[in-house]
Amino acid sequence: MAKLAYLKRIGATPAIFLVLALIPLTGIPSYQFYILERGLQNVLVVLSLVILLGYTGQLSLGQAGLVAVGAYTYGILCVNYGISPWLGLLAAPFAAGLVGLILGFPSFKLKGPFLVVNTIAFSEIVRILILNNENFTGGPFGLNRIPTIFNGLPLYYFMLVVAFLAAVGTLRLSRSYIGLAFKAIRDDEIAAESMGVHVRNYKLLAFVISSVLAGLSGVFFANMAGYLNPDSFTFNESSTYLLMVVLGGMSNAAGGILSSFAVTSLPEALRFMARRRMVVYSIILLVMLRYTKVLEIENFKRLIRRMRPVPAPASAPAVDRDEVNS
């Protein structure tokens, strides 16, 4: 019974990752494979927002800045100082987590639009620092010749394993004591604090965990691209990450995974429309957000149940009139 309850809790996540593991074996073209890699890289950012926004209720539009911190920490250590990519892989999420801890302190008493503005300002500060420190970051010219942990298919499967572990960890976190404290803060901070939840510490913890996942995503971005430029970490990227997590269901990890691939691949699927591509892309997203939300696993299950035919009610047995009269 415990195993069945655990499988029900993790839901469709293993099936999604099994499909992702089989897709490259079908021999897809290299460009489609790169889009698949980008979607997998975005999964980590979406999971970071599931924890921060879905579980804790802290809205952030600065995830692109945290991704940039992870990517540039990895790139600077490997390119400028010749450090091993494996050490860079460990250092970059640590640096992003430290930045998230610093970001969490001024954000403690901020809510709603004030918190959003604070995270946007943080992301812009990171981008401006990258632009103005040309000796370390390459400035507007970018940072190139970044060494990679793996190349091609090994890198994809390494990212897949890391993303799967992050997804399972996110799902387990939601039912743990820490996750329940996060949700209590999301629902009512005052009530949570009156029940003994240390709101400040748990908010900081949520920021740190979210920042570590975003920084790890930045490491994978640096490995895929081999080149870093501040134009890759703008406000548009942060808003796209937010769109992914909202489309999939803010506290739904499996839905967020599906939406990350959908939002990543949809603009490329519409590229044949040339100038009208982004207009059609926006309309499709609006329709999905307003009417369907099919990427939310629970809503998808409800839709399937509605499509099933309803069995006809069993007819009552016929009554013999002669028996009644007698």
C-alpha atoms as a PDB file:
ATOM      1  CA  MET A   1       0.000   0.000   0.000  1.00  0.00           C
ATOM      2  CA  ALA A   2       2.858   2.378   0.765  1.00  0.00           C
ATOM      3  CA  LYS A   3       4.344   1.815  -2.694  1.00  0.00           C
ATOM      4  CA  LEU A   4       0.979   2.424  -4.352  1.00  0.00           C
ATOM      5  CA  ALA A   5       0.533   5.655  -2.393  1.00  0.00           C
ATOM      6  CA  TYR A   6       4.033   6.781  -3.382  1.00  0.00           C
ATOM      7  CA  LEU A   7       3.428   6.035  -7.073  1.00  0.00           C
ATOM      8  CA  LYS A   8       0.156   7.934  -6.948  1.00  0.00           C
ATOM      9  CA  ARG A   9       1.957  10.875  -5.373  1.00  0.00           C
ATOM     10  CA  ILE A  10       4.633  11.159  -8.064  1.00  0.00           C
ATOM     11  CA  GLY A  11       1.910  10.772 -10.698  1.00  0.00           C
ATOM     12  CA  ALA A  12       2.834  10.930 -14.382  1.00  0.00           C
ATOM     13  CA  THR A  13       6.384  12.203 -13.841  1.00  0.00           C
ATOM     14  CA  PRO A  14       8.206   8.863 -14.447  1.00  0.00           C
ATOM     15  CA  ALA A  15       6.193   8.265 -17.629  1.00  0.00           C
ATOM     16  CA  ILE A  16       7.090  11.721 -18.941  1.00  0.00           C
ATOM     17  CA  PHE A  17      10.797  11.150 -18.346  1.00  0.00           C
ATOM     18  CA  LEU A  18      10.624   7.681 -19.887  1.00  0.00           C
ATOM     19  CA  VAL A  19       9.238   9.218 -23.083  1.00  0.00           C
ATOM     20  CA  LEU A  20      11.961  11.882 -22.993  1.00  0.00           C
ATOM     21  CA  ALA A  21      14.589   9.155 -22.666  1.00  0.00           C
ATOM     22  CA  LEU A  22      13.257   7.315 -25.729  1.00  0.00           C
ATOM     23  CA  ILE A  23      12.809  10.293 -28.078  1.00  0.00           C
ATOM     24  CA  PRO A  24      16.531  10.724 -28.987  1.00  0.00           C
ATOM     25  CA  LEU A  25      16.732   7.025 -29.894  1.00  0.00           C
ATOM     26  CA  THR A  26      14.285   7.624 -32.758  1.00  0.00           C
ATOM     27  CA  GLY A  27      16.961   9.524 -34.683  1.00  0.00           C
ATOM     28  CA  ILE A  28      15.465  13.026 -34.626  1.00  0.00           C
ATOM     29  CA  PRO A  29      17.331  15.772 -36.563  1.00  0.00           C
ATOM     30  CA  SER A  30      19.983  17.781 -34.742  1.00  0.00           C
ATOM     31  CA  TYR A  31      17.965  20.999 -34.584  1.00  0.00           C
ATOM     32  CA  GLN A  32      14.933  19.262 -33.033  1.00  0.00           C
ATOM     33  CA  PHE A  33      17.329  17.581 -30.621  1.00  0.00           C
ATOM     34  CA  TYR A  34      18.652  21.005 -29.572  1.00  0.00           C
ATOM     35  CA  ILE A  35      15.084  22.214 -28.936  1.00  0.00           C
ATOM     36  CA  LEU A  36      14.540  19.105 -26.800  1.00  0.00           C
ATOM     37  CA  GLU A  37      17.680  19.951 -24.825  1.00  0.00           C
ATOM     38  CA  ARG A  38      16.494  23.530 -24.298  1.00  0.00           C
ATOM     39  CA  GLY A  39      13.151  22.267 -23.025  1.00  0.00           C
ATOM     40  CA  LEU A  40      14.939  19.968 -20.595  1.00  0.00           C
ATOM     41  CA  GLN A  41      17.119  22.849 -19.401  1.00  0.00           C
ATOM     42  CA  ASN A  42      14.008  24.959 -18.842  1.00  0.00           C
ATOM     43  CA  VAL A  43      12.485  22.191 -16.699  1.00  0.00           C
ATOM     44  CA  LEU A  44      14.865  23.055 -13.858  1.00  0.00           C
ATOM     45  CA  VAL A  45      13.838  26.717 -13.925  1.00  0.00           C
ATOM     46  CA  VAL A  46      10.156  25.745 -13.953  1.00  0.00           C
ATOM     47  CA  LEU A  47      10.681  23.455 -10.956  1.00  0.00           C
ATOM     48  CA  SER A  48      12.421  26.310  -9.149  1.00  0.00           C
ATOM     49  CA  LEU A  49       9.318  28.457  -9.709  1.00  0.00           C
ATOM     50  CA  VAL A  50       7.023  25.613  -8.630  1.00  0.00           C
ATOM     51  CA  ILE A  51       8.781  25.694  -5.251  1.00  0.00           C
ATOM     52  CA  LEU A  52       8.976  29.480  -4.977  1.00  0.00           C
ATOM     53  CA  LEU A  53       5.613  30.459  -6.460  1.00  0.00           C
ATOM     54  CA  GLY A  54       3.504  27.307  -6.353  1.00  0.00           C
ATOM     55  CA  TYR A  55       4.446  26.117  -2.872  1.00  0.00           C
ATOM     56  CA  THR A  56       5.439  29.340  -1.089  1.00  0.00           C
ATOM     57  CA  GLY A  57       3.436  31.962  -2.996  1.00  0.00           C
ATOM     58  CA  GLN A  58       6.449  34.212  -3.736  1.00  0.00           C
ATOM     59  CA  LEU A  59       6.144  35.657  -7.252  1.00  0.00           C
ATOM     60  CA  SER A  60       9.525  36.207  -8.919  1.00  0.00           C
ATOM     61  CA  LEU A  61      10.372  37.698 -12.302  1.00  0.00           C
ATOM     62  CA  GLY A  62      14.097  37.476 -11.728  1.00  0.00           C
ATOM     63  CA  GLN A  63      14.807  33.835 -12.526  1.00  0.00           C
ATOM     64  CA  ALA A  64      16.764  34.821 -15.644  1.00  0.00           C
ATOM     65  CA  GLY A  65      19.206  36.648 -13.375  1.00  0.00           C
ATOM     66  CA  LEU A  66      19.739  33.505 -11.285  1.00  0.00           C
ATOM     67  CA  VAL A  67      20.222  31.428 -14.430  1.00  0.00           C
ATOM     68  CA  ALA A  68      22.813  34.013 -15.537  1.00  0.00           C
ATOM     69  CA  VAL A  69      24.611  33.746 -12.184  1.00  0.00           C
ATOM     70  CA  GLY A  70      24.914  29.977 -12.579  1.00  0.00           C
ATOM     71  CA  ALA A  71      25.939  30.145 -16.238  1.00  0.00           C
ATOM     72  CA  TYR A  72      28.546  32.880 -15.809  1.00  0.00           C
ATOM     73  CA  THR A  73      29.973  31.400 -12.610  1.00  0.00           C
ATOM     74  CA  TYR A  74      30.563  28.163 -14.498  1.00  0.00           C
ATOM     75  CA  GLY A  75      31.920  29.956 -17.584  1.00  0.00           C
ATOM     76  CA  ILE A  76      34.248  32.314 -15.696  1.00  0.00           C
ATOM     77  CA  LEU A  77      35.702  29.556 -13.520  1.00  0.00           C
ATOM     78  CA  CYS A  78      36.316  27.235 -16.469  1.00  0.00           C
ATOM     79  CA  VAL A  79      37.498  29.792 -19.055  1.00  0.00           C
ATOM     80  CA  ASN A  80      39.325  32.424 -16.998  1.00  0.00           C
ATOM     81  CA  TYR A  81      40.762  30.199 -14.280  1.00  0.00           C
ATOM     82  CA  GLY A  82      40.997  26.813 -15.980  1.00  0.00           C
ATOM     83  CA  ILE A  83      38.979  25.013 -13.313  1.00  0.00           C
ATOM     84  CA  SER A  84      37.563  21.586 -14.145  1.00  0.00           C
ATOM     85  CA  PRO A  85      33.985  21.647 -15.510  1.00  0.00           C
ATOM     86  CA  TRP A  86      32.953  19.227 -12.755  1.00  0.00           C
ATOM     87  CA  LEU A  87      34.101  21.680 -10.087  1.00  0.00           C
ATOM     88  CA  GLY A  88      32.330  24.431 -11.998  1.00  0.00           C
ATOM     89  CA  LEU A  89      29.189  22.288 -11.949  1.00  0.00           C
ATOM     90  CA  LEU A  90      29.348  22.245  -8.140  1.00  0.00           C
ATOM     91  CA  ALA A  91      30.373  25.874  -7.686  1.00  0.00           C
ATOM     92  CA  ALA A  92      27.752  27.468  -9.938  1.00  0.00           C
ATOM     93  CA  PRO A  93      24.613  26.262  -8.068  1.00  0.00           C
ATOM     94  CA  PHE A  94      26.333  27.138  -4.784  1.00  0.00           C
ATOM     95  CA  ALA A  95      26.975  30.698  -6.028  1.00  0.00           C
ATOM     96  CA  ALA A  96      23.378  31.002  -7.265  1.00  0.00           C
ATOM     97  CA  GLY A  97      22.092  29.743  -3.893  1.00  0.00           C
ATOM     98  CA  LEU A  98      24.223  32.335  -2.080  1.00  0.00           C
ATOM     99  CA  VAL A  99      22.838  35.081  -4.328  1.00  0.00           C
ATOM    100  CA  GLY A 100      19.317  33.773  -3.664  1.00  0.00           C
ATOM    101  CA  LEU A 101      19.982  33.971   0.073  1.00  0.00           C
ATOM    102  CA  ILE A 102      21.081  37.602  -0.291  1.00  0.00           C
ATOM    103  CA  LEU A 103      18.051  38.336  -2.474  1.00  0.00           C
ATOM    104  CA  GLY A 104      15.730  36.705   0.056  1.00  0.00           C
ATOM    105  CA  PHE A 105      16.626  39.074   2.922  1.00  0.00           C
ATOM    106  CA  PRO A 106      15.237  42.305   1.421  1.00  0.00           C
ATOM    107  CA  SER A 107      12.353  40.336  -0.053  1.00  0.00           C
ATOM    108  CA  PHE A 108      11.204  39.077   3.356  1.00  0.00           C
ATOM    109  CA  LYS A 109       8.797  41.948   4.056  1.00  0.00           C
ATOM    110  CA  LEU A 110       7.816  42.514   0.435  1.00  0.00           C
ATOM    111  CA  LYS A 111       4.639  41.115  -1.078  1.00  0.00           C
ATOM    112  CA  GLY A 112       2.733  41.276  -4.342  1.00  0.00           C
ATOM    113  CA  PRO A 113       3.941  43.900  -6.851  1.00  0.00           C
ATOM    114  CA  PHE A 114       6.723  45.123  -4.532  1.00  0.00           C
ATOM    115  CA  LEU A 115       8.342  41.674  -4.525  1.00  0.00           C
ATOM    116  CA  VAL A 116       7.942  41.451  -8.312  1.00  0.00           C
ATOM    117  CA  VAL A 117       9.671  44.821  -8.820  1.00  0.00           C
ATOM    118  CA  ASN A 118      12.462  43.758  -6.449  1.00  0.00           C
ATOM    119  CA  THR A 119      13.175  40.567  -8.412  1.00  0.00           C
ATOM    120  CA  ILE A 120      13.022  42.413 -11.760  1.00  0.00           C
ATOM    121  CA  ALA A 121      15.531  44.965 -10.429  1.00  0.00           C
ATOM    122  CA  PHE A 122      17.806  42.144  -9.265  1.00  0.00           C
ATOM    123  CA  SER A 123      17.758  40.529 -12.719  1.00  0.00           C
ATOM    124  CA  GLU A 124      18.597  43.839 -14.402  1.00  0.00           C
ATOM    125  CA  ILE A 125      21.446  44.481 -11.929  1.00  0.00           C
ATOM    126  CA  VAL A 126      22.944  41.086 -12.803  1.00  0.00           C
ATOM    127  CA  ARG A 127      22.687  41.813 -16.540  1.00  0.00           C
ATOM    128  CA  ILE A 128      24.264  45.275 -16.156  1.00  0.00           C
ATOM    129  CA  LEU A 129      27.107  43.867 -14.062  1.00  0.00           C
ATOM    130  CA  ILE A 130      27.783  41.314 -16.784  1.00  0.00           C
ATOM    131  CA  LEU A 131      27.826  44.058 -19.421  1.00  0.00           C
ATOM    132  CA  ASN A 132      30.173  46.348 -17.490  1.00  0.00           C
ATOM    133  CA  ASN A 133      32.748  43.762 -16.331  1.00  0.00           C
ATOM    134  CA  GLU A 134      34.290  42.947 -19.672  1.00  0.00           C
ATOM    135  CA  ASN A 135      37.531  41.569 -18.184  1.00  0.00           C
ATOM    136  CA  PHE A 136      35.662  38.738 -16.447  1.00  0.00           C
ATOM    137  CA  THR A 137      32.464  38.215 -18.406  1.00  0.00           C
ATOM    138  CA  GLY A 138      33.409  39.389 -21.902  1.00  0.00           C
ATOM    139  CA  GLY A 139      30.870  42.199 -21.594  1.00  0.00           C
ATOM    140  CA  PRO A 140      28.682  42.711 -24.664  1.00  0.00           C
ATOM    141  CA  PHE A 141      31.039  40.503 -26.708  1.00  0.00           C
ATOM    142  CA  GLY A 142      30.198  37.471 -24.616  1.00  0.00           C
ATOM    143  CA  LEU A 143      32.164  34.611 -23.151  1.00  0.00           C
ATOM    144  CA  ASN A 144      33.098  31.840 -25.575  1.00  0.00           C
ATOM    145  CA  ARG A 145      35.069  28.592 -25.754  1.00  0.00           C
ATOM    146  CA  ILE A 146      33.374  27.289 -22.640  1.00  0.00           C
ATOM    147  CA  PRO A 147      34.400  23.669 -21.908  1.00  0.00           C
ATOM    148  CA  THR A 148      31.619  21.144 -21.487  1.00  0.00           C
ATOM    149  CA  ILE A 149      31.018  18.289 -19.083  1.00  0.00           C
ATOM    150  CA  PHE A 150      29.671  16.109 -21.891  1.00  0.00           C
ATOM    151  CA  ASN A 151      28.736  16.611 -25.513  1.00  0.00           C
ATOM    152  CA  GLY A 152      25.706  15.542 -27.518  1.00  0.00           C
ATOM    153  CA  LEU A 153      23.711  12.571 -26.304  1.00  0.00           C
ATOM    154  CA  PRO A 154      25.677  11.987 -23.040  1.00  0.00           C
ATOM    155  CA  LEU A 155      24.972  15.592 -22.022  1.00  0.00           C
ATOM    156  CA  TYR A 156      21.270  15.129 -22.762  1.00  0.00           C
ATOM    157  CA  TYR A 157      20.980  12.000 -20.619  1.00  0.00           C
ATOM    158  CA  PHE A 158      22.989  13.613 -17.826  1.00  0.00           C
ATOM    159  CA  MET A 159      20.563  16.547 -17.876  1.00  0.00           C
ATOM    160  CA  LEU A 160      17.658  14.097 -17.976  1.00  0.00           C
ATOM    161  CA  VAL A 161      18.860  12.296 -14.832  1.00  0.00           C
ATOM    162  CA  VAL A 162      19.423  15.582 -12.985  1.00  0.00           C
ATOM    163  CA  ALA A 163      16.000  16.919 -14.038  1.00  0.00           C
ATOM    164  CA  PHE A 164      14.320  13.664 -12.962  1.00  0.00           C
ATOM    165  CA  LEU A 165      15.970  13.795  -9.543  1.00  0.00           C
ATOM    166  CA  ALA A 166      14.957  17.452  -9.211  1.00  0.00           C
ATOM    167  CA  ALA A 167      11.354  16.611 -10.176  1.00  0.00           C
ATOM    168  CA  VAL A 168      11.119  13.727  -7.694  1.00  0.00           C
ATOM    169  CA  GLY A 169      12.705  15.908  -5.010  1.00  0.00           C
ATOM    170  CA  THR A 170      10.177  18.661  -5.712  1.00  0.00           C
ATOM    171  CA  LEU A 171       7.292  16.194  -5.415  1.00  0.00           C
ATOM    172  CA  ARG A 172       8.632  14.722  -2.181  1.00  0.00           C
ATOM    173  CA  LEU A 173       9.183  18.218  -0.818  1.00  0.00           C
ATOM    174  CA  SER A 174       5.505  19.057  -1.297  1.00  0.00           C
ATOM    175  CA  ARG A 175       4.467  16.347   1.225  1.00  0.00           C
ATOM    176  CA  SER A 176       7.315  16.896   3.675  1.00  0.00           C
ATOM    177  CA  TYR A 177       7.249  19.070   6.780  1.00  0.00           C
ATOM    178  CA  ILE A 178       9.137  21.802   4.897  1.00  0.00           C
ATOM    179  CA  GLY A 179       6.717  21.679   1.980  1.00  0.00           C
ATOM    180  CA  LEU A 180       3.708  21.871   4.291  1.00  0.00           C
ATOM    181  CA  ALA A 181       5.295  24.894   5.971  1.00  0.00           C
ATOM    182  CA  PHE A 182       5.782  26.492   2.538  1.00  0.00           C
ATOM    183  CA  LYS A 183       2.105  25.965   1.693  1.00  0.00           C
ATOM    184  CA  ALA A 184       0.994  27.300   5.062  1.00  0.00           C
ATOM    185  CA  ILE A 185       2.942  30.496   4.369  1.00  0.00           C
ATOM    186  CA  ARG A 186       1.391  30.704   0.914  1.00  0.00           C
ATOM    187  CA  ASP A 187      -2.138  30.393   2.281  1.00  0.00           C
ATOM    188  CA  ASP A 188      -1.834  32.670   5.319  1.00  0.00           C
ATOM    189  CA  GLU A 189       1.447  33.959   6.755  1.00  0.00           C
ATOM    190  CA  ILE A 190      -0.072  35.194  10.012  1.00  0.00           C
ATOM    191  CA  ALA A 191      -1.852  31.892  10.687  1.00  0.00           C
ATOM    192  CA  ALA A 192       1.311  29.954   9.821  1.00  0.00           C
ATOM    193  CA  GLU A 193       3.415  32.027  12.208  1.00  0.00           C
ATOM    194  CA  SER A 194       0.838  31.626  14.978  1.00  0.00           C
ATOM    195  CA  MET A 195       1.163  27.845  14.555  1.00  0.00           C
ATOM    196  CA  GLY A 196       4.919  27.975  15.096  1.00  0.00           C
ATOM    197  CA  VAL A 197       6.175  28.240  11.493  1.00  0.00           C
ATOM    198  CA  HIS A 198       9.224  30.510  11.274  1.00  0.00           C
ATOM    199  CA  VAL A 199       8.089  32.439   8.208  1.00  0.00           C
ATOM    200  CA  ARG A 200      11.357  34.267   7.556  1.00  0.00           C
ATOM    201  CA  ASN A 201      13.531  31.162   7.646  1.00  0.00           C
ATOM    202  CA  TYR A 202      11.229  29.178   5.388  1.00  0.00           C
ATOM    203  CA  LYS A 203      10.968  32.027   2.877  1.00  0.00           C
ATOM    204  CA  LEU A 204      14.753  32.235   2.754  1.00  0.00           C
ATOM    205  CA  LEU A 205      14.953  28.462   2.327  1.00  0.00           C
ATOM    206  CA  ALA A 206      12.504  28.624  -0.583  1.00  0.00           C
ATOM    207  CA  PHE A 207      14.595  31.331  -2.261  1.00  0.00           C
ATOM    208  CA  VAL A 208      17.788  29.310  -1.786  1.00  0.00           C
ATOM    209  CA  ILE A 209      16.347  26.042  -3.168  1.00  0.00           C
ATOM    210  CA  SER A 210      14.821  27.896  -6.115  1.00  0.00           C
ATOM    211  CA  SER A 211      18.104  29.700  -6.818  1.00  0.00           C
ATOM    212  CA  VAL A 212      20.136  26.478  -6.737  1.00  0.00           C
ATOM    213  CA  LEU A 213      17.871  24.873  -9.358  1.00  0.00           C
ATOM    214  CA  ALA A 214      17.994  28.000 -11.543  1.00  0.00           C
ATOM    215  CA  GLY A 215      21.800  28.130 -11.250  1.00  0.00           C
ATOM    216  CA  LEU A 216      22.041  24.478 -12.254  1.00  0.00           C
ATOM    217  CA  SER A 217      19.913  25.280 -15.290  1.00  0.00           C
ATOM    218  CA  GLY A 218      22.417  28.012 -16.152  1.00  0.00           C
ATOM    219  CA  VAL A 219      25.253  25.469 -16.085  1.00  0.00           C
ATOM    220  CA  PHE A 220      23.403  23.302 -18.589  1.00  0.00           C
ATOM    221  CA  PHE A 221      22.708  26.335 -20.784  1.00  0.00           C
ATOM    222  CA  ALA A 222      26.438  27.132 -20.855  1.00  0.00           C
ATOM    223  CA  ASN A 223      27.221  23.516 -21.765  1.00  0.00           C
ATOM    224  CA  MET A 224      24.707  23.454 -24.621  1.00  0.00           C
ATOM    225  CA  ALA A 225      25.576  26.830 -26.127  1.00  0.00           C
ATOM    226  CA  GLY A 226      29.322  26.959 -25.440  1.00  0.00           C
ATOM    227  CA  TYR A 227      28.908  30.753 -25.511  1.00  0.00           C
ATOM    228  CA  LEU A 228      27.338  33.230 -23.089  1.00  0.00           C
ATOM    229  CA  ASN A 229      25.923  36.665 -23.872  1.00  0.00           C
ATOM    230  CA  PRO A 230      23.915  38.977 -21.572  1.00  0.00           C
ATOM    231  CA  ASP A 231      21.165  39.157 -24.205  1.00  0.00           C
ATOM    232  CA  SER A 232      20.243  35.569 -23.290  1.00  0.00           C
ATOM    233  CA  PHE A 233      19.169  36.601 -19.771  1.00  0.00           C
ATOM    234  CA  THR A 234      16.684  39.422 -20.243  1.00  0.00           C
ATOM    235  CA  PHE A 235      13.285  40.175 -18.731  1.00  0.00           C
ATOM    236  CA  ASN A 236      11.680  38.326 -21.653  1.00  0.00           C
ATOM    237  CA  GLU A 237      13.286  35.101 -20.464  1.00  0.00           C
ATOM    238  CA  SER A 238      11.990  35.597 -16.920  1.00  0.00           C
ATOM    239  CA  SER A 239       8.458  36.229 -18.188  1.00  0.00           C
ATOM    240  CA  THR A 240       8.670  33.096 -20.352  1.00  0.00           C
ATOM    241  CA  TYR A 241       9.628  31.015 -17.310  1.00  0.00           C
ATOM    242  CA  LEU A 242       6.666  32.450 -15.418  1.00  0.00           C
ATOM    243  CA  LEU A 243       4.384  31.627 -18.346  1.00  0.00           C
ATOM    244  CA  MET A 244       5.578  28.010 -18.274  1.00  0.00           C
ATOM    245  CA  VAL A 245       4.814  27.503 -14.598  1.00  0.00           C
ATOM    246  CA  VAL A 246       1.409  29.223 -14.812  1.00  0.00           C
ATOM    247  CA  LEU A 247       0.421  27.229 -17.890  1.00  0.00           C
ATOM    248  CA  GLY A 248       1.301  23.923 -16.253  1.00  0.00           C
ATOM    249  CA  GLY A 249      -0.314  24.678 -12.910  1.00  0.00           C
ATOM    250  CA  MET A 250       1.726  26.650 -10.418  1.00  0.00           C
ATOM    251  CA  SER A 251       2.072  23.855  -7.860  1.00  0.00           C
ATOM    252  CA  ASN A 252       1.967  21.015 -10.409  1.00  0.00           C
ATOM    253  CA  ALA A 253       5.442  19.664 -11.185  1.00  0.00           C
ATOM    254  CA  ALA A 254       4.338  17.289 -13.951  1.00  0.00           C
ATOM    255  CA  GLY A 255       2.277  19.994 -15.644  1.00  0.00           C
ATOM    256  CA  GLY A 256       5.214  22.388 -15.423  1.00  0.00           C
ATOM    257  CA  ILE A 257       7.468  19.836 -17.134  1.00  0.00           C
ATOM    258  CA  LEU A 258       5.013  19.455 -20.008  1.00  0.00           C
ATOM    259  CA  SER A 259       4.510  23.208 -20.346  1.00  0.00           C
ATOM    260  CA  SER A 260       8.258  23.853 -20.471  1.00  0.00           C
ATOM    261  CA  PHE A 261       8.566  21.660 -23.561  1.00  0.00           C
ATOM    262  CA  ALA A 262       5.375  23.051 -25.103  1.00  0.00           C
ATOM    263  CA  VAL A 263       6.384  26.710 -24.698  1.00  0.00           C
ATOM    264  CA  THR A 264       9.955  25.989 -25.828  1.00  0.00           C
ATOM    265  CA  SER A 265       8.990  24.099 -28.982  1.00  0.00           C
ATOM    266  CA  LEU A 266       5.865  26.002 -30.059  1.00  0.00           C
ATOM    267  CA  PRO A 267       7.671  29.059 -31.550  1.00  0.00           C
ATOM    268  CA  GLU A 268       9.925  26.741 -33.547  1.00  0.00           C
ATOM    269  CA  ALA A 269       6.955  24.722 -34.801  1.00  0.00           C
ATOM    270  CA  LEU A 270       5.388  27.970 -36.064  1.00  0.00           C
ATOM    271  CA  ARG A 271       8.551  29.275 -37.746  1.00  0.00           C
ATOM    272  CA  PHE A 272       7.103  28.600 -41.215  1.00  0.00           C
ATOM    273  CA  MET A 273       4.660  31.474 -40.624  1.00  0.00           C
ATOM    274  CA  ALA A 274       7.500  34.007 -40.723  1.00  0.00           C
ATOM    275  CA  ARG A 275       6.251  37.431 -39.533  1.00  0.00           C
ATOM    276  CA  ARG A 276       2.920  36.143 -38.251  1.00  0.00           C
ATOM    277  CA  ARG A 277       4.606  33.511 -36.089  1.00  0.00           C
ATOM    278  CA  MET A 278       4.630  35.410 -32.780  1.00  0.00           C
ATOM    279  CA  VAL A 279       1.054  36.639 -33.264  1.00  0.00           C
ATOM    280  CA  VAL A 280      -0.216  33.088 -33.720  1.00  0.00           C
ATOM    281  CA  TYR A 281       2.002  31.923 -30.850  1.00  0.00           C
ATOM    282  CA  SER A 282       0.476  34.509 -28.511  1.00  0.00           C
ATOM    283  CA  ILE A 283      -3.077  33.621 -29.554  1.00  0.00           C
ATOM    284  CA  ILE A 284      -2.467  29.910 -28.920  1.00  0.00           C
ATOM    285  CA  LEU A 285      -1.076  30.629 -25.450  1.00  0.00           C
ATOM    286  CA  LEU A 286      -4.018  32.884 -24.602  1.00  0.00           C
ATOM    287  CA  VAL A 287      -6.487  30.189 -25.642  1.00  0.00           C
ATOM    288  CA  MET A 288      -4.639  27.551 -23.607  1.00  0.00           C
ATOM    289  CA  LEU A 289      -4.519  29.774 -20.531  1.00  0.00           C
ATOM    290  CA  ARG A 290      -8.129  30.889 -20.770  1.00  0.00           C
ATOM    291  CA  TYR A 291     -10.026  27.806 -21.831  1.00  0.00           C
ATOM    292  CA  THR A 292      -8.153  24.538 -21.552  1.00  0.00           C
ATOM    293  CA  LYS A 293      -5.128  24.332 -19.255  1.00  0.00           C
ATOM    294  CA  VAL A 294      -4.836  20.798 -20.609  1.00  0.00           C
ATOM    295  CA  LEU A 295      -1.204  20.662 -19.554  1.00  0.00           C
ATOM    296  CA  GLU A 296      -2.321  20.468 -15.929  1.00  0.00           C
ATOM    297  CA  ILE A 297      -2.402  16.743 -15.288  1.00  0.00           C
ATOM    298  CA  GLU A 298      -5.505  16.860 -13.077  1.00  0.00           C
ATOM    299  CA  ASN A 299      -7.448  18.842 -15.670  1.00  0.00           C
ATOM    300  CA  PHE A 300      -6.318  16.426 -18.366  1.00  0.00           C
ATOM    301  CA  LYS A 301      -7.656  13.509 -16.308  1.00  0.00           C
ATOM    302  CA  ARG A 302     -10.971  15.295 -15.847  1.00  0.00           C
ATOM    303  CA  LEU A 303     -11.193  15.885 -19.592  1.00  0.00           C
ATOM    304  CA  ILE A 304     -10.604  12.186 -20.268  1.00  0.00           C
ATOM    305  CA  ARG A 305     -13.287  11.228 -17.747  1.00  0.00           C
ATOM    306  CA  ARG A 306     -15.778  13.562 -19.404  1.00  0.00           C
ATOM    307  CA  MET A 307     -15.090  11.993 -22.803  1.00  0.00           C
ATOM    308  CA  ARG A 308     -15.913   8.509 -21.543  1.00  0.00           C
ATOM    309  CA  PRO A 309     -19.482   7.315 -22.314  1.00  0.00           C
ATOM    310  CA  VAL A 310     -21.794   7.313 -19.321  1.00  0.00           C
ATOM    311  CA  PRO A 311     -23.231   3.815 -18.694  1.00  0.00           C
ATOM    312  CA  ALA A 312     -26.992   3.571 -18.974  1.00  0.00           C
ATOM    313  CA  PRO A 313     -28.787   3.105 -15.641  1.00  0.00           C
ATOM    314  CA  ALA A 314     -29.943  -0.423 -14.923  1.00  0.00           C
ATOM    315  CA  SER A 315     -33.641  -0.860 -15.669  1.00  0.00           C
ATOM    316  CA  ALA A 316     -35.919  -1.898 -12.810  1.00  0.00           C
ATOM    317  CA  PRO A 317     -37.191  -5.504 -12.971  1.00  0.00           C
ATOM    318  CA  ALA A 318     -40.641  -5.896 -14.469  1.00  0.00           C
ATOM    319  CA  VAL A 319     -43.475  -6.434 -11.959  1.00  0.00           C
ATOM    320  CA  ASP A 320     -45.994  -9.236 -12.605  1.00  0.00           C
ATOM    321  CA  ARG A 321     -49.469  -7.707 -12.226  1.00  0.00           C
ATOM    322  CA  ASP A 322     -51.060 -11.067 -11.398  1.00  0.00           C
ATOM    323  CA  GLU A 323     -48.692 -11.488  -8.453  1.00  0.00           C
ATOM    324  CA  VAL A 324     -49.530  -7.985  -7.214  1.00  0.00           C
ATOM    325  CA  ASN A 325     -53.300  -8.594  -7.460  1.00  0.00           C
ATOM    326  CA  SER A 326     -53.007 -11.867  -5.656  1.00  0.00           C
END
